[in-house]
Amino acid sequence: MKLLLDQNLSSRLVAECSRSFPDSQHVRTLGMERD
């Protein structure tokens, strides 16, 4: 299972989540951020 972390959550959580959920991404990494 992959997770897509919302812009309101720290991008540092990706590293923590990747152990249990490989290939998880943050919206900032994917360029999906909104102002």
PDB file of N, CA and C in Angstrom:
ATOM      1  N   MET A   1       0.845  -1.172   0.000  1.00  0.00           N
ATOM      2  CA  MET A   1       0.000   0.000   0.000  1.00  0.00           C
ATOM      3  C   MET A   1       0.891   1.237   0.000  1.00  0.00           C
ATOM      4  N   LYS A   2       0.512   2.221  -0.776  1.00  0.00           N
ATOM      5  CA  LYS A   2       1.219   3.499  -0.836  1.00  0.00           C
ATOM      6  C   LYS A   2       0.387   4.550  -0.112  1.00  0.00           C
ATOM      7  N   LEU A   3       1.070   5.526   0.449  1.00  0.00           N
ATOM      8  CA  LEU A   3       0.393   6.654   1.072  1.00  0.00           C
ATOM      9  C   LEU A   3       0.754   7.926   0.322  1.00  0.00           C
ATOM     10  N   LEU A   4      -0.191   8.833   0.227  1.00  0.00           N
ATOM     11  CA  LEU A   4       0.058  10.165  -0.294  1.00  0.00           C
ATOM     12  C   LEU A   4      -0.186  11.117   0.866  1.00  0.00           C
ATOM     13  N   LEU A   5       0.883  11.748   1.350  1.00  0.00           N
ATOM     14  CA  LEU A   5       0.772  12.618   2.512  1.00  0.00           C
ATOM     15  C   LEU A   5       0.389  14.029   2.097  1.00  0.00           C
ATOM     16  N   ASP A   6      -0.588  14.562   2.768  1.00  0.00           N
ATOM     17  CA  ASP A   6      -1.129  15.887   2.530  1.00  0.00           C
ATOM     18  C   ASP A   6      -0.095  16.969   2.823  1.00  0.00           C
ATOM     19  N   GLN A   7      -0.268  18.142   2.212  1.00  0.00           N
ATOM     20  CA  GLN A   7       0.670  19.238   2.421  1.00  0.00           C
ATOM     21  C   GLN A   7       0.645  19.756   3.856  1.00  0.00           C
ATOM     22  N   ASN A   8      -0.394  19.455   4.613  1.00  0.00           N
ATOM     23  CA  ASN A   8      -0.466  19.880   6.010  1.00  0.00           C
ATOM     24  C   ASN A   8       0.369  18.999   6.930  1.00  0.00           C
ATOM     25  N   LEU A   9       0.861  17.890   6.420  1.00  0.00           N
ATOM     26  CA  LEU A   9       1.715  16.991   7.193  1.00  0.00           C
ATOM     27  C   LEU A   9       3.165  17.194   6.782  1.00  0.00           C
ATOM     28  N   SER A  10       4.055  16.997   7.717  1.00  0.00           N
ATOM     29  CA  SER A  10       5.477  17.179   7.442  1.00  0.00           C
ATOM     30  C   SER A  10       5.966  16.176   6.406  1.00  0.00           C
ATOM     31  N   SER A  11       6.793  16.658   5.491  1.00  0.00           N
ATOM     32  CA  SER A  11       7.373  15.760   4.489  1.00  0.00           C
ATOM     33  C   SER A  11       8.337  14.774   5.133  1.00  0.00           C
ATOM     34  N   ARG A  12       8.778  15.066   6.354  1.00  0.00           N
ATOM     35  CA  ARG A  12       9.663  14.147   7.080  1.00  0.00           C
ATOM     36  C   ARG A  12       8.949  12.857   7.472  1.00  0.00           C
ATOM     37  N   LEU A  13       7.636  12.875   7.466  1.00  0.00           N
ATOM     38  CA  LEU A  13       6.878  11.665   7.794  1.00  0.00           C
ATOM     39  C   LEU A  13       7.030  10.585   6.734  1.00  0.00           C
ATOM     40  N   VAL A  14       7.389  10.966   5.520  1.00  0.00           N
ATOM     41  CA  VAL A  14       7.557   9.986   4.444  1.00  0.00           C
ATOM     42  C   VAL A  14       8.610   8.957   4.836  1.00  0.00           C
ATOM     43  N   ALA A  15       9.713   9.415   5.388  1.00  0.00           N
ATOM     44  CA  ALA A  15      10.779   8.493   5.798  1.00  0.00           C
ATOM     45  C   ALA A  15      10.282   7.531   6.872  1.00  0.00           C
ATOM     46  N   GLU A  16       9.499   8.028   7.804  1.00  0.00           N
ATOM     47  CA  GLU A  16       8.963   7.173   8.867  1.00  0.00           C
ATOM     48  C   GLU A  16       7.948   6.172   8.312  1.00  0.00           C
ATOM     49  N   CYS A  17       7.108   6.619   7.412  1.00  0.00           N
ATOM     50  CA  CYS A  17       6.064   5.761   6.854  1.00  0.00           C
ATOM     51  C   CYS A  17       6.610   4.747   5.860  1.00  0.00           C
ATOM     52  N   SER A  18       7.730   5.062   5.238  1.00  0.00           N
ATOM     53  CA  SER A  18       8.238   4.201   4.170  1.00  0.00           C
ATOM     54  C   SER A  18       8.640   2.814   4.660  1.00  0.00           C
ATOM     55  N   ARG A  19       8.897   2.678   5.936  1.00  0.00           N
ATOM     56  CA  ARG A  19       9.205   1.345   6.473  1.00  0.00           C
ATOM     57  C   ARG A  19       7.998   0.421   6.351  1.00  0.00           C
ATOM     58  N   SER A  20       6.851   0.939   6.685  1.00  0.00           N
ATOM     59  CA  SER A  20       5.626   0.137   6.633  1.00  0.00           C
ATOM     60  C   SER A  20       4.890   0.270   5.305  1.00  0.00           C
ATOM     61  N   PHE A  21       5.063   1.422   4.649  1.00  0.00           N
ATOM     62  CA  PHE A  21       4.359   1.706   3.405  1.00  0.00           C
ATOM     63  C   PHE A  21       5.360   2.164   2.347  1.00  0.00           C
ATOM     64  N   PRO A  22       6.059   1.223   1.713  1.00  0.00           N
ATOM     65  CA  PRO A  22       7.054   1.602   0.696  1.00  0.00           C
ATOM     66  C   PRO A  22       6.423   2.418  -0.435  1.00  0.00           C
ATOM     67  N   ASP A  23       7.209   3.258  -1.053  1.00  0.00           N
ATOM     68  CA  ASP A  23       6.779   4.106  -2.177  1.00  0.00           C
ATOM     69  C   ASP A  23       5.784   5.189  -1.783  1.00  0.00           C
ATOM     70  N   SER A  24       5.673   5.495  -0.496  1.00  0.00           N
ATOM     71  CA  SER A  24       4.815   6.602  -0.078  1.00  0.00           C
ATOM     72  C   SER A  24       5.425   7.909  -0.544  1.00  0.00           C
ATOM     73  N   GLN A  25       4.578   8.902  -0.799  1.00  0.00           N
ATOM     74  CA  GLN A  25       5.026  10.189  -1.327  1.00  0.00           C
ATOM     75  C   GLN A  25       4.364  11.329  -0.568  1.00  0.00           C
ATOM     76  N   HIS A  26       4.949  12.494  -0.677  1.00  0.00           N
ATOM     77  CA  HIS A  26       4.381  13.723  -0.127  1.00  0.00           C
ATOM     78  C   HIS A  26       3.974  14.584  -1.319  1.00  0.00           C
ATOM     79  N   VAL A  27       2.890  15.333  -1.189  1.00  0.00           N
ATOM     80  CA  VAL A  27       2.418  16.144  -2.316  1.00  0.00           C
ATOM     81  C   VAL A  27       3.479  17.130  -2.794  1.00  0.00           C
ATOM     82  N   ARG A  28       4.344  17.609  -1.906  1.00  0.00           N
ATOM     83  CA  ARG A  28       5.414  18.541  -2.294  1.00  0.00           C
ATOM     84  C   ARG A  28       6.386  17.871  -3.256  1.00  0.00           C
ATOM     85  N   THR A  29       6.717  16.613  -2.997  1.00  0.00           N
ATOM     86  CA  THR A  29       7.640  15.864  -3.842  1.00  0.00           C
ATOM     87  C   THR A  29       7.068  15.676  -5.244  1.00  0.00           C
ATOM     88  N   LEU A  30       5.765  15.529  -5.331  1.00  0.00           N
ATOM     89  CA  LEU A  30       5.109  15.286  -6.615  1.00  0.00           C
ATOM     90  C   LEU A  30       4.699  16.569  -7.333  1.00  0.00           C
ATOM     91  N   GLY A  31       4.942  17.716  -6.703  1.00  0.00           N
ATOM     92  CA  GLY A  31       4.578  18.993  -7.315  1.00  0.00           C
ATOM     93  C   GLY A  31       3.089  19.258  -7.310  1.00  0.00           C
ATOM     94  N   MET A  32       2.375  18.704  -6.352  1.00  0.00           N
ATOM     95  CA  MET A  32       0.925  18.855  -6.285  1.00  0.00           C
ATOM     96  C   MET A  32       0.489  19.852  -5.210  1.00  0.00           C
ATOM     97  N   GLU A  33       1.421  20.640  -4.686  1.00  0.00           N
ATOM     98  CA  GLU A  33       1.111  21.601  -3.629  1.00  0.00           C
ATOM     99  C   GLU A  33       0.163  22.679  -4.117  1.00  0.00           C
ATOM    100  N   ARG A  34      -0.695  23.115  -3.224  1.00  0.00           N
ATOM    101  CA  ARG A  34      -1.595  24.235  -3.521  1.00  0.00           C
ATOM    102  C   ARG A  34      -1.266  25.367  -2.573  1.00  0.00           C
ATOM    103  N   ASP A  35      -1.459  26.574  -3.032  1.00  0.00           N
ATOM    104  CA  ASP A  35      -1.191  27.750  -2.189  1.00  0.00           C
ATOM    105  C   ASP A  35      -2.321  28.028  -1.249  1.00  0.00           C
TER     106      ASP A  35
END
